[in-house]
Amino acid sequence: MGEKRLFYNGRVLDLEKGAVCGGALLAEDGIIRAVGKEEELWDAPGAEKVNLEGAFVMPAFLDAHSHFTQTACSFLQASLRGVSTEKELVCRIRAYIKESGAAPGAWVTAGDYDHNLMEGGKNPPLSLLDQAALENPLFIRHQSGHSGLMNSLALKALGITESTIAPEGGRIEKKEGKLTGCLEENALFHYQKKLPMPDGEALEKAYKKAQDCYAAHGITVVQEGMLTKEMFPMYRLLLERRLLRLDLAAYLSPEDYPAAKEEFAPYMGRYRGHLKIAGLKIFLDGSPQSRTAWLRKPYIGGGCGYGVMTDEAVRAAMELSCREGLQLLAHCNGDQAIARFLSCMERTVKKFPEFPRLRPVIIHGQIMGRDQVRKAAALGAFVSFFGAHVFHWGDVHIKNLGFSRAAGISPAASALEAGLPFTFHQDTPVIPPDMWETVWCAVCRKTRAGTVLGEQERIPVREALLAVTKQAAAQYGEADKKGSLAPGKNADFILIDRDPFRTAPEELKNIQVLKTFCRGRALQRV
């Protein structure tokens, strides 16, 4: 007989119906065997009884898109979240160098930086970056993940000079012929790979903290949104030390797929030790808050951003996806980038009619036109919206796009109307993996300043919750095992402190995850 548990004295929610469907849940070997009334399940032979103490029970969340290793590494760097002055930036970095004991010459990394919060919305000069770390190469990752800052020691260590030519689809910023320390898009990705990796012990602790963070927010499936060959040693550590307690779906860059196919053959397309190599990932543009998302019409003040992949490269990735039977995720924020994706998909489907069955996903889809919503639905794509953009950068989008265009970001209601399957994500570590904040954003659509942005794109609580449970499971092709509480599915569920269907919309963001269960076992909370 396997491990059997009867979870009782709870209030199990049916998200489809928006109502309580029972008070008990019976699980055996991590699989749900029954959901119903306590008196119906109480006499289950050999079951250990677990009192849920009246908590509401719902399916665990699935993280539809984030960056697991970057999230882990965020525990090994200085945080610049909320920094708005040059003085505060310098103080934070110097304090981190002192507290961490970083030796002279050792690389120092900082994250959570957003230039939009700085005075004038501008990056600090290179001279100030040099002051922040006098004896250390310094790399500051922008919160968007699409740009970064380096001091002079870092630029020198990487061989970046005034004459260095940026990779296609990227930019090494210069003013009056002098480096500013700012790198964007493919230039950032190229040089970021050359940074030294953390040591094994530090990385092991960081991976454990990252999983605790996701679990504390009710998430049992996480994503590695871009696995490159430089990260393979990190994954060997994950597997050799059996560190994974959450399911991890990893997506590869097309150029690294052949090496990964050999390195991780047992994990291709299926979970083993909680890891699955789930597909491929490409980038077509940047981020709207950094004005690098590729638009059909210019930003206020000029410029349309830029694309970072050619049509030929996008189609090649799609065809590789079809030949290998792997899902494809495509980072597309701006409507011109989405236009490129859709035109390439249209051509690919003519050659490979099975492509839609692989569930290709438009990641972010921030500035997605209503015409593109309908076309994506017709082609059979998915879209995963970064819905919390409304709160975190909605005011910036109003400034950069004007109110009317900004009001159309993350058009979930339009997707719902068009029959386009959609999910939500937090792009962690861009923001914490707080699903309740995202649900609140989808329902209320309020900016940080309190402005209602795109009332017409609000969706009901039911649809918002399904987007981060059942629909997220469907995006992964795992709806038969995850995303809802029913016999035969994984016992992945969370306990919460109130009924979301009877909670005022403004209070959704305050719902607390009390405990997270993966395969019927409680996970550690931070």
Protein backbone atom coordinates (compact mmCIF):
# COMPACT_ATOMS: atom_id res chain seq x y z
CA MET A 1 0.00 0.00 0.00
CA GLY A 2 1.31 3.48 -0.90
CA GLU A 3 1.43 6.64 1.14
CA LYS A 4 -2.16 7.71 1.74
CA ARG A 5 -3.43 10.94 3.32
CA LEU A 6 -6.91 12.25 4.04
CA PHE A 7 -6.98 16.04 4.19
CA TYR A 8 -10.11 17.08 6.09
CA ASN A 9 -11.78 20.09 7.73
CA GLY A 10 -11.11 22.24 4.67
CA ARG A 11 -13.24 24.03 2.12
CA VAL A 12 -12.25 22.77 -1.32
CA LEU A 13 -12.90 25.27 -4.12
CA ASP A 14 -14.09 24.36 -7.60
CA LEU A 15 -12.63 27.23 -9.65
CA GLU A 16 -14.84 26.47 -12.66
CA LYS A 17 -18.00 26.87 -10.57
CA GLY A 18 -16.62 29.48 -8.17
CA ALA A 19 -17.94 27.54 -5.19
CA VAL A 20 -16.95 25.12 -2.43
CA CYS A 21 -17.28 21.53 -3.69
CA GLY A 22 -16.39 19.62 -0.54
CA GLY A 23 -14.46 19.56 2.70
CA ALA A 24 -12.00 16.72 2.20
CA LEU A 25 -9.42 15.44 -0.25
CA LEU A 26 -7.94 11.93 -0.35
CA ALA A 27 -4.48 11.47 -1.88
CA GLU A 28 -2.38 8.34 -2.40
CA ASP A 29 1.24 8.40 -3.58
CA GLY A 30 0.85 12.08 -4.42
CA ILE A 31 -2.24 11.54 -6.63
CA ILE A 32 -5.77 12.68 -5.78
CA ARG A 33 -8.10 9.73 -5.37
CA ALA A 34 -11.25 11.54 -4.27
CA VAL A 35 -12.68 14.96 -3.41
CA GLY A 36 -15.88 15.23 -1.39
CA LYS A 37 -17.50 15.35 2.01
CA GLU A 38 -15.57 14.30 5.10
CA GLU A 39 -18.13 11.67 6.07
CA GLU A 40 -17.82 10.05 2.65
CA LEU A 41 -14.03 9.74 2.82
CA TRP A 42 -13.38 9.42 6.56
CA ASP A 43 -13.08 5.63 6.63
CA ALA A 44 -10.45 5.41 3.88
CA PRO A 45 -8.31 2.46 5.06
CA GLY A 46 -4.75 3.25 6.12
CA ALA A 47 -5.03 6.99 5.50
CA GLU A 48 -3.08 9.44 7.67
CA LYS A 49 -5.48 12.24 8.62
CA VAL A 50 -4.36 15.85 8.13
CA ASN A 51 -6.49 18.64 9.64
CA LEU A 52 -6.69 21.68 7.34
CA GLU A 53 -8.22 23.76 10.14
CA GLY A 54 -10.94 25.31 8.05
CA ALA A 55 -8.69 26.77 5.34
CA PHE A 56 -9.88 27.18 1.77
CA VAL A 57 -8.25 24.73 -0.64
CA MET A 58 -7.55 25.38 -4.32
CA PRO A 59 -5.18 24.07 -7.01
CA ALA A 60 -1.57 25.19 -6.69
CA PHE A 61 -0.41 27.87 -9.10
CA LEU A 62 1.71 27.10 -12.16
CA ASP A 63 4.32 29.71 -13.07
CA ALA A 64 3.67 30.27 -16.78
CA HIS A 65 6.94 32.17 -17.33
CA SER A 66 9.92 33.19 -15.22
CA HIS A 67 13.66 32.63 -14.87
CA PHE A 68 14.45 30.15 -12.13
CA THR A 69 18.24 30.48 -12.09
CA GLN A 70 18.14 34.27 -12.23
CA THR A 71 15.71 34.14 -9.32
CA ALA A 72 18.18 31.98 -7.39
CA CYS A 73 21.06 34.31 -8.26
CA SER A 74 19.04 37.29 -7.03
CA PHE A 75 19.75 35.99 -3.52
CA LEU A 76 23.46 36.45 -4.26
CA GLN A 77 23.37 40.11 -5.30
CA ALA A 78 22.62 43.58 -4.03
CA SER A 79 19.00 44.64 -4.40
CA LEU A 80 18.32 48.10 -5.84
CA ARG A 81 14.54 47.73 -5.67
CA GLY A 82 12.95 51.12 -5.09
CA VAL A 83 16.22 53.08 -5.50
CA SER A 84 15.44 56.55 -6.86
CA THR A 85 18.61 58.62 -6.29
CA GLU A 86 22.24 58.25 -7.32
CA LYS A 87 23.34 58.61 -3.70
CA GLU A 88 21.10 55.74 -2.60
CA LEU A 89 22.36 53.56 -5.44
CA VAL A 90 25.99 54.10 -4.41
CA CYS A 91 25.20 53.50 -0.73
CA ARG A 92 23.36 50.23 -1.43
CA ILE A 93 26.16 48.81 -3.55
CA ARG A 94 28.92 49.86 -1.15
CA ALA A 95 26.99 48.40 1.78
CA TYR A 96 26.58 45.12 -0.09
CA ILE A 97 30.31 44.95 -0.90
CA LYS A 98 31.12 45.47 2.76
CA GLU A 99 28.52 43.01 4.09
CA SER A 100 29.31 40.28 1.55
CA GLY A 101 33.05 40.60 2.06
CA ALA A 102 33.68 40.81 -1.69
CA ALA A 103 37.45 40.90 -2.22
CA PRO A 104 39.03 43.52 -4.49
CA GLY A 105 38.74 42.33 -8.08
CA ALA A 106 35.75 40.07 -7.40
CA TRP A 107 32.66 40.64 -9.52
CA VAL A 108 29.74 42.38 -7.80
CA THR A 109 26.20 42.07 -9.17
CA ALA A 110 23.13 44.13 -8.35
CA GLY A 111 19.55 43.65 -9.49
CA ASP A 112 16.02 45.09 -9.29
CA TYR A 113 17.20 48.40 -10.80
CA ASP A 114 14.68 50.51 -12.72
CA HIS A 115 15.82 53.73 -14.40
CA ASN A 116 12.19 54.93 -14.52
CA LEU A 117 12.38 55.59 -10.76
CA MET A 118 15.55 57.68 -11.05
CA GLU A 119 15.46 61.47 -11.28
CA GLY A 120 14.61 62.38 -14.85
CA GLY A 121 14.18 58.70 -15.69
CA LYS A 122 17.87 58.49 -16.60
CA ASN A 123 20.67 56.07 -15.87
CA PRO A 124 23.55 57.30 -13.67
CA PRO A 125 26.80 58.27 -15.46
CA LEU A 126 29.71 55.85 -15.76
CA SER A 127 31.71 57.92 -13.27
CA LEU A 128 29.10 57.26 -10.58
CA LEU A 129 29.11 53.52 -11.31
CA ASP A 130 32.88 53.63 -10.81
CA GLN A 131 32.41 55.37 -7.45
CA ALA A 132 29.94 52.71 -6.32
CA ALA A 133 32.51 49.92 -6.73
CA LEU A 134 36.03 51.33 -6.66
CA GLU A 135 37.85 47.99 -6.67
CA ASN A 136 35.31 45.60 -8.17
CA PRO A 137 33.86 44.96 -11.63
CA LEU A 138 30.19 45.91 -11.23
CA PHE A 139 27.19 44.66 -13.19
CA ILE A 140 23.72 46.10 -12.52
CA ARG A 141 20.83 44.18 -14.07
CA HIS A 142 17.83 46.27 -15.08
CA GLN A 143 14.56 45.00 -13.64
CA SER A 144 13.26 44.30 -17.15
CA GLY A 145 16.16 41.94 -17.84
CA HIS A 146 16.75 43.67 -21.18
CA SER A 147 19.42 46.18 -20.27
CA GLY A 148 22.21 46.51 -17.76
CA LEU A 149 24.90 48.83 -16.45
CA MET A 150 28.62 48.14 -16.01
CA ASN A 151 31.36 50.18 -14.43
CA SER A 152 34.75 50.76 -16.09
CA LEU A 153 36.36 47.76 -14.39
CA ALA A 154 33.60 45.49 -15.71
CA LEU A 155 33.86 46.90 -19.24
CA LYS A 156 37.63 46.41 -19.18
CA ALA A 157 37.34 42.85 -17.86
CA LEU A 158 34.99 41.97 -20.73
CA GLY A 159 37.10 43.72 -23.36
CA ILE A 160 34.46 46.33 -24.20
CA THR A 161 35.95 49.52 -25.61
CA GLU A 162 34.72 52.51 -27.63
CA SER A 163 35.52 50.57 -30.81
CA THR A 164 33.63 47.40 -29.80
CA ILE A 165 30.80 46.59 -32.22
CA ALA A 166 27.59 45.42 -30.56
CA PRO A 167 26.08 42.10 -31.66
CA GLU A 168 23.20 42.44 -34.13
CA GLY A 169 19.97 43.27 -32.32
CA GLY A 170 21.79 44.89 -29.40
CA ARG A 171 23.37 48.17 -28.38
CA ILE A 172 26.44 49.30 -26.46
CA GLU A 173 25.51 52.85 -25.59
CA LYS A 174 27.92 55.70 -26.27
CA LYS A 175 27.60 59.45 -25.83
CA GLU A 176 29.96 61.69 -27.73
CA GLY A 177 31.96 58.59 -28.59
CA LYS A 178 32.43 57.55 -24.95
CA LEU A 179 30.99 54.46 -23.28
CA THR A 180 28.19 55.09 -20.79
CA GLY A 181 28.27 51.59 -19.29
CA CYS A 182 24.78 50.73 -20.61
CA LEU A 183 24.18 47.60 -22.69
CA GLU A 184 20.86 46.60 -24.28
CA GLU A 185 19.28 43.42 -25.65
CA ASN A 186 21.64 41.10 -27.57
CA ALA A 187 24.70 43.04 -26.43
CA LEU A 188 23.67 42.50 -22.82
CA PHE A 189 22.86 38.81 -23.37
CA HIS A 190 26.20 38.25 -25.14
CA TYR A 191 28.40 39.74 -22.43
CA GLN A 192 26.28 38.61 -19.50
CA LYS A 193 27.15 35.01 -20.40
CA LYS A 194 30.81 35.82 -19.76
CA LEU A 195 30.30 36.72 -16.12
CA PRO A 196 31.70 34.16 -13.64
CA MET A 197 29.26 31.71 -12.09
CA PRO A 198 28.71 31.57 -8.31
CA ASP A 199 30.49 28.78 -6.46
CA GLY A 200 28.63 25.52 -5.89
CA GLU A 201 27.82 25.93 -2.19
CA ALA A 202 26.48 29.46 -2.63
CA LEU A 203 24.44 28.38 -5.63
CA GLU A 204 22.96 25.39 -3.80
CA LYS A 205 21.72 27.66 -1.00
CA ALA A 206 20.37 30.13 -3.55
CA TYR A 207 18.43 27.43 -5.42
CA LYS A 208 16.86 26.30 -2.14
CA LYS A 209 15.87 29.88 -1.29
CA ALA A 210 14.36 30.36 -4.75
CA GLN A 211 12.18 27.27 -4.35
CA ASP A 212 11.10 28.39 -0.89
CA CYS A 213 10.11 31.73 -2.40
CA TYR A 214 7.99 30.17 -5.15
CA ALA A 215 6.42 27.69 -2.71
CA ALA A 216 5.58 30.47 -0.26
CA HIS A 217 3.53 32.05 -3.05
CA GLY A 218 1.66 28.81 -3.79
CA ILE A 219 3.59 27.77 -6.91
CA THR A 220 4.52 24.13 -7.58
CA VAL A 221 5.59 24.39 -11.25
CA VAL A 222 8.35 26.87 -12.10
CA GLN A 223 10.06 27.79 -15.35
CA GLU A 224 13.59 28.36 -16.61
CA GLY A 225 12.71 30.86 -19.29
CA MET A 226 16.09 30.62 -21.06
CA LEU A 227 18.52 27.78 -20.44
CA THR A 228 21.86 28.37 -22.18
CA LYS A 229 24.93 26.14 -22.33
CA GLU A 230 26.71 28.44 -19.86
CA MET A 231 24.12 27.31 -17.31
CA PHE A 232 24.62 23.57 -17.90
CA PRO A 233 27.06 23.23 -14.94
CA MET A 234 24.41 24.79 -12.69
CA TYR A 235 21.90 22.20 -13.87
CA ARG A 236 24.34 19.37 -13.30
CA LEU A 237 24.61 20.61 -9.71
CA LEU A 238 20.81 20.73 -9.39
CA LEU A 239 20.51 17.14 -10.56
CA GLU A 240 23.55 15.63 -8.84
CA ARG A 241 22.57 17.06 -5.46
CA ARG A 242 18.85 16.36 -6.02
CA LEU A 243 17.92 19.90 -5.08
CA LEU A 244 14.60 20.18 -6.92
CA ARG A 245 11.39 19.91 -4.91
CA LEU A 246 9.21 21.77 -7.41
CA ASP A 247 8.61 20.77 -11.02
CA LEU A 248 10.92 22.77 -13.29
CA ALA A 249 10.20 23.22 -17.01
CA ALA A 250 13.27 24.50 -18.87
CA TYR A 251 13.38 26.15 -22.30
CA LEU A 252 16.50 26.25 -24.47
CA SER A 253 17.91 28.71 -26.93
CA PRO A 254 17.80 27.09 -30.41
CA GLU A 255 21.58 27.35 -30.82
CA ASP A 256 22.15 25.41 -27.58
CA TYR A 257 19.55 22.74 -28.28
CA PRO A 258 21.93 20.19 -29.91
CA ALA A 259 24.28 20.28 -26.91
CA ALA A 260 21.38 20.06 -24.45
CA LYS A 261 19.83 17.15 -26.35
CA GLU A 262 23.00 15.20 -25.67
CA GLU A 263 23.63 16.50 -22.15
CA PHE A 264 20.06 16.12 -20.85
CA ALA A 265 18.68 13.32 -23.03
CA PRO A 266 16.67 11.64 -20.21
CA TYR A 267 14.86 14.91 -19.47
CA MET A 268 13.78 15.80 -23.00
CA GLY A 269 10.01 16.26 -23.02
CA ARG A 270 9.35 14.48 -19.71
CA TYR A 271 9.93 15.01 -15.99
CA ARG A 272 12.67 13.11 -14.24
CA GLY A 273 13.76 14.20 -10.78
CA HIS A 274 11.34 17.17 -11.17
CA LEU A 275 13.15 18.49 -14.30
CA LYS A 276 11.76 18.55 -17.83
CA ILE A 277 13.37 20.08 -20.92
CA ALA A 278 10.10 21.46 -22.21
CA GLY A 279 10.98 23.38 -25.35
CA LEU A 280 12.72 26.30 -27.03
CA LYS A 281 12.79 30.04 -26.30
CA ILE A 282 13.46 32.98 -28.62
CA PHE A 283 13.46 36.78 -28.21
CA LEU A 284 11.96 39.06 -30.84
CA ASP A 285 12.29 42.42 -29.04
CA GLY A 286 12.83 44.16 -25.70
CA SER A 287 10.73 45.82 -23.01
CA PRO A 288 8.26 48.73 -23.24
CA GLN A 289 9.40 50.35 -19.98
CA SER A 290 12.90 50.59 -21.49
CA ARG A 291 11.48 51.71 -24.86
CA THR A 292 13.12 48.75 -26.61
CA ALA A 293 9.88 46.86 -27.33
CA TRP A 294 9.34 46.94 -31.12
CA LEU A 295 6.25 48.98 -32.03
CA ARG A 296 4.17 49.57 -35.14
CA LYS A 297 3.77 53.24 -34.17
CA PRO A 298 6.43 55.35 -32.41
CA TYR A 299 6.70 56.00 -28.71
CA ILE A 300 5.87 59.51 -27.56
CA GLY A 301 9.10 61.38 -28.15
CA GLY A 302 10.08 59.17 -31.09
CA GLY A 303 11.53 55.78 -31.82
CA CYS A 304 9.83 52.43 -32.33
CA GLY A 305 12.29 50.23 -30.44
CA TYR A 306 13.80 47.45 -32.52
CA GLY A 307 13.60 43.79 -33.36
CA VAL A 308 16.37 41.41 -32.36
CA MET A 309 15.60 38.46 -34.69
CA THR A 310 15.15 38.25 -38.43
CA ASP A 311 12.20 36.56 -40.10
CA GLU A 312 14.54 33.79 -41.23
CA ALA A 313 15.78 33.15 -37.68
CA VAL A 314 12.24 33.08 -36.28
CA ARG A 315 11.06 30.63 -38.94
CA ALA A 316 14.14 28.46 -38.38
CA ALA A 317 13.30 28.24 -34.65
CA MET A 318 9.68 27.37 -35.46
CA GLU A 319 10.74 24.65 -37.87
CA LEU A 320 13.18 23.22 -35.31
CA SER A 321 10.29 23.15 -32.83
CA CYS A 322 8.18 21.19 -35.32
CA ARG A 323 10.92 18.73 -36.29
CA GLU A 324 11.79 17.97 -32.66
CA GLY A 325 8.23 18.09 -31.31
CA LEU A 326 9.09 20.79 -28.75
CA GLN A 327 7.06 23.77 -27.61
CA LEU A 328 8.29 27.23 -28.61
CA LEU A 329 8.10 30.31 -26.39
CA ALA A 330 8.62 33.66 -28.10
CA HIS A 331 9.30 36.85 -26.16
CA CYS A 332 7.23 39.52 -27.92
CA ASN A 333 6.28 42.75 -26.14
CA GLY A 334 5.64 45.21 -28.95
CA ASP A 335 2.99 44.87 -31.64
CA GLN A 336 5.58 44.90 -34.44
CA ALA A 337 7.41 41.99 -32.80
CA ILE A 338 4.08 40.18 -32.46
CA ALA A 339 3.37 40.92 -36.13
CA ARG A 340 6.65 39.22 -37.06
CA PHE A 341 5.84 36.20 -34.89
CA LEU A 342 2.36 35.81 -36.36
CA SER A 343 3.49 36.18 -39.98
CA CYS A 344 6.23 33.59 -39.38
CA MET A 345 3.77 31.26 -37.67
CA GLU A 346 1.35 31.62 -40.57
CA ARG A 347 4.07 30.53 -43.00
CA THR A 348 5.26 27.73 -40.72
CA VAL A 349 1.77 26.26 -40.35
CA LYS A 350 1.52 25.90 -44.12
CA LYS A 351 4.66 23.74 -44.06
CA PHE A 352 4.04 22.06 -40.69
CA PRO A 353 0.26 21.92 -40.04
CA GLU A 354 0.91 20.25 -36.66
CA PHE A 355 2.69 23.34 -35.24
CA PRO A 356 -0.36 24.65 -33.27
CA ARG A 357 -0.57 21.30 -31.44
CA LEU A 358 2.81 22.15 -29.89
CA ARG A 359 1.17 25.17 -28.17
CA PRO A 360 3.49 28.01 -29.32
CA VAL A 361 3.33 30.85 -26.80
CA ILE A 362 3.64 34.61 -27.20
CA ILE A 363 5.38 35.62 -23.97
CA HIS A 364 4.34 38.99 -22.47
CA GLY A 365 2.23 40.30 -25.39
CA GLN A 366 2.09 43.69 -23.68
CA ILE A 367 1.22 45.86 -26.67
CA MET A 368 -0.83 43.32 -28.59
CA GLY A 369 -3.32 44.77 -31.04
CA ARG A 370 -6.92 43.55 -31.09
CA ASP A 371 -6.38 42.46 -34.70
CA GLN A 372 -3.42 40.40 -33.49
CA VAL A 373 -5.48 38.80 -30.70
CA ARG A 374 -7.93 37.52 -33.30
CA LYS A 375 -5.18 36.35 -35.66
CA ALA A 376 -3.30 34.54 -32.87
CA ALA A 377 -6.53 32.76 -31.90
CA ALA A 378 -7.15 31.73 -35.50
CA LEU A 379 -3.60 30.36 -35.85
CA GLY A 380 -3.80 28.35 -32.63
CA ALA A 381 -1.24 30.19 -30.50
CA PHE A 382 -1.22 30.77 -26.75
CA VAL A 383 -0.33 34.05 -25.06
CA SER A 384 1.04 34.55 -21.56
CA PHE A 385 0.43 38.12 -20.40
CA PHE A 386 2.63 39.93 -17.91
CA GLY A 387 -0.54 41.31 -16.36
CA ALA A 388 1.10 43.01 -13.37
CA HIS A 389 2.68 45.51 -15.79
CA VAL A 390 -0.54 47.48 -15.31
CA PHE A 391 0.41 48.19 -11.70
CA HIS A 392 4.21 48.26 -11.82
CA TRP A 393 4.74 50.22 -15.07
CA GLY A 394 1.29 51.38 -16.14
CA ASP A 395 2.11 55.00 -15.35
CA VAL A 396 5.35 54.69 -17.36
CA HIS A 397 3.40 53.25 -20.30
CA ILE A 398 0.97 56.18 -20.19
CA LYS A 399 3.98 58.50 -20.43
CA ASN A 400 5.61 56.53 -23.25
CA LEU A 401 2.53 55.51 -25.25
CA GLY A 402 -0.28 57.88 -24.31
CA PHE A 403 -3.32 56.84 -22.31
CA SER A 404 -5.29 55.18 -25.10
CA ARG A 405 -2.49 52.85 -26.22
CA ALA A 406 -1.37 52.15 -22.65
CA ALA A 407 -4.93 51.18 -21.71
CA GLY A 408 -4.69 48.28 -24.14
CA ILE A 409 -1.72 46.50 -22.56
CA SER A 410 -2.23 42.88 -21.55
CA PRO A 411 -5.60 42.68 -23.37
CA ALA A 412 -6.99 39.70 -21.44
CA ALA A 413 -10.68 40.53 -21.96
CA SER A 414 -10.12 40.79 -25.70
CA ALA A 415 -8.33 37.42 -25.64
CA LEU A 416 -11.22 35.91 -23.69
CA GLU A 417 -13.73 37.23 -26.22
CA ALA A 418 -11.67 35.99 -29.18
CA GLY A 419 -11.13 32.52 -27.72
CA LEU A 420 -7.36 33.01 -27.48
CA PRO A 421 -6.05 30.83 -24.60
CA PHE A 422 -4.05 32.95 -22.16
CA THR A 423 -2.13 32.71 -18.91
CA PHE A 424 -0.49 35.21 -16.57
CA HIS A 425 3.05 35.33 -15.23
CA GLN A 426 5.34 37.56 -13.14
CA ASP A 427 8.60 37.09 -15.10
CA THR A 428 10.35 36.57 -11.75
CA PRO A 429 12.88 37.89 -10.72
CA VAL A 430 11.55 40.98 -12.55
CA ILE A 431 8.91 41.07 -9.80
CA PRO A 432 8.24 38.58 -6.97
CA PRO A 433 6.16 35.51 -7.96
CA ASP A 434 3.02 36.86 -6.29
CA MET A 435 0.08 35.34 -8.13
CA TRP A 436 -2.49 37.12 -6.00
CA GLU A 437 -1.06 40.47 -7.07
CA THR A 438 -1.40 39.33 -10.68
CA VAL A 439 -4.99 38.14 -10.18
CA TRP A 440 -5.79 41.49 -8.56
CA CYS A 441 -4.19 43.34 -11.50
CA ALA A 442 -6.24 41.36 -14.02
CA VAL A 443 -9.48 42.08 -12.15
CA CYS A 444 -8.90 45.72 -11.16
CA ARG A 445 -6.25 47.07 -13.61
CA LYS A 446 -4.99 49.92 -11.42
CA THR A 447 -1.61 51.59 -11.80
CA ARG A 448 0.72 52.44 -8.94
CA ALA A 449 -0.71 55.98 -9.02
CA GLY A 450 -4.26 54.60 -8.70
CA THR A 451 -5.34 55.17 -12.30
CA VAL A 452 -7.74 52.62 -13.81
CA LEU A 453 -5.92 51.59 -16.98
CA GLY A 454 -8.04 49.79 -19.55
CA GLU A 455 -11.29 49.14 -17.73
CA GLN A 456 -12.52 47.35 -20.87
CA GLU A 457 -9.78 44.73 -20.41
CA ARG A 458 -10.76 43.76 -16.85
CA ILE A 459 -11.75 40.12 -16.42
CA PRO A 460 -13.74 38.28 -13.71
CA VAL A 461 -12.02 36.56 -10.79
CA ARG A 462 -12.92 33.13 -12.17
CA GLU A 463 -11.10 33.70 -15.46
CA ALA A 464 -8.09 35.25 -13.71
CA LEU A 465 -7.75 32.22 -11.42
CA LEU A 466 -8.18 29.73 -14.26
CA ALA A 467 -5.41 31.55 -16.15
CA VAL A 468 -2.89 30.75 -13.41
CA THR A 469 -4.08 27.19 -12.76
CA LYS A 470 -6.02 25.24 -15.41
CA GLN A 471 -4.92 27.33 -18.40
CA ALA A 472 -1.31 27.37 -17.22
CA ALA A 473 -1.42 23.57 -17.03
CA ALA A 474 -2.83 23.50 -20.57
CA GLN A 475 -0.02 25.80 -21.77
CA TYR A 476 2.49 23.25 -20.48
CA GLY A 477 0.53 20.36 -21.99
CA GLU A 478 -0.03 19.00 -18.47
CA ALA A 479 -3.76 19.58 -17.98
CA ASP A 480 -4.26 15.85 -17.47
CA LYS A 481 -2.18 16.00 -14.25
CA LYS A 482 -2.25 19.59 -13.00
CA GLY A 483 -4.29 22.77 -12.72
CA SER A 484 -7.40 21.45 -10.98
CA LEU A 485 -8.39 19.20 -8.08
CA ALA A 486 -9.92 15.99 -9.40
CA PRO A 487 -9.32 12.24 -9.11
CA GLY A 488 -6.25 11.15 -11.06
CA LYS A 489 -4.50 14.51 -10.86
CA ASN A 490 -1.46 15.45 -8.82
CA ALA A 491 -2.16 16.44 -5.22
CA ASP A 492 -0.71 19.92 -5.84
CA PHE A 493 -2.81 22.37 -3.84
CA ILE A 494 -2.62 25.39 -1.56
CA LEU A 495 -4.40 26.53 1.56
CA ILE A 496 -5.57 30.15 1.56
CA ASP A 497 -7.13 32.34 4.22
CA ARG A 498 -10.35 33.34 2.43
CA ASP A 499 -12.70 32.59 -0.46
CA PRO A 500 -11.51 34.61 -3.49
CA PHE A 501 -15.01 34.53 -4.99
CA ARG A 502 -16.42 36.27 -1.92
CA THR A 503 -13.53 38.72 -1.54
CA ALA A 504 -13.85 42.35 -2.64
CA PRO A 505 -11.81 42.89 -5.84
CA GLU A 506 -9.51 45.41 -4.14
CA GLU A 507 -8.69 42.86 -1.43
CA LEU A 508 -7.63 40.04 -3.77
CA LYS A 509 -3.99 41.10 -3.51
CA ASN A 510 -4.14 40.58 0.26
CA ILE A 511 -5.13 36.91 0.14
CA GLN A 512 -2.55 34.85 2.01
CA VAL A 513 -1.12 31.48 1.02
CA LEU A 514 -1.02 29.54 4.30
CA LYS A 515 0.65 26.39 3.03
CA THR A 516 1.63 24.76 -0.26
CA PHE A 517 1.43 21.03 -1.02
CA CYS A 518 3.25 19.32 -3.87
CA ARG A 519 2.29 15.68 -4.51
CA GLY A 520 0.46 15.71 -1.18
CA ARG A 521 3.49 16.84 0.85
CA ALA A 522 3.77 20.23 2.55
CA LEU A 523 6.59 22.40 1.26
CA GLN A 524 8.80 24.59 3.44
CA ARG A 525 7.85 28.24 3.62
CA VAL A 526 10.31 31.10 3.86
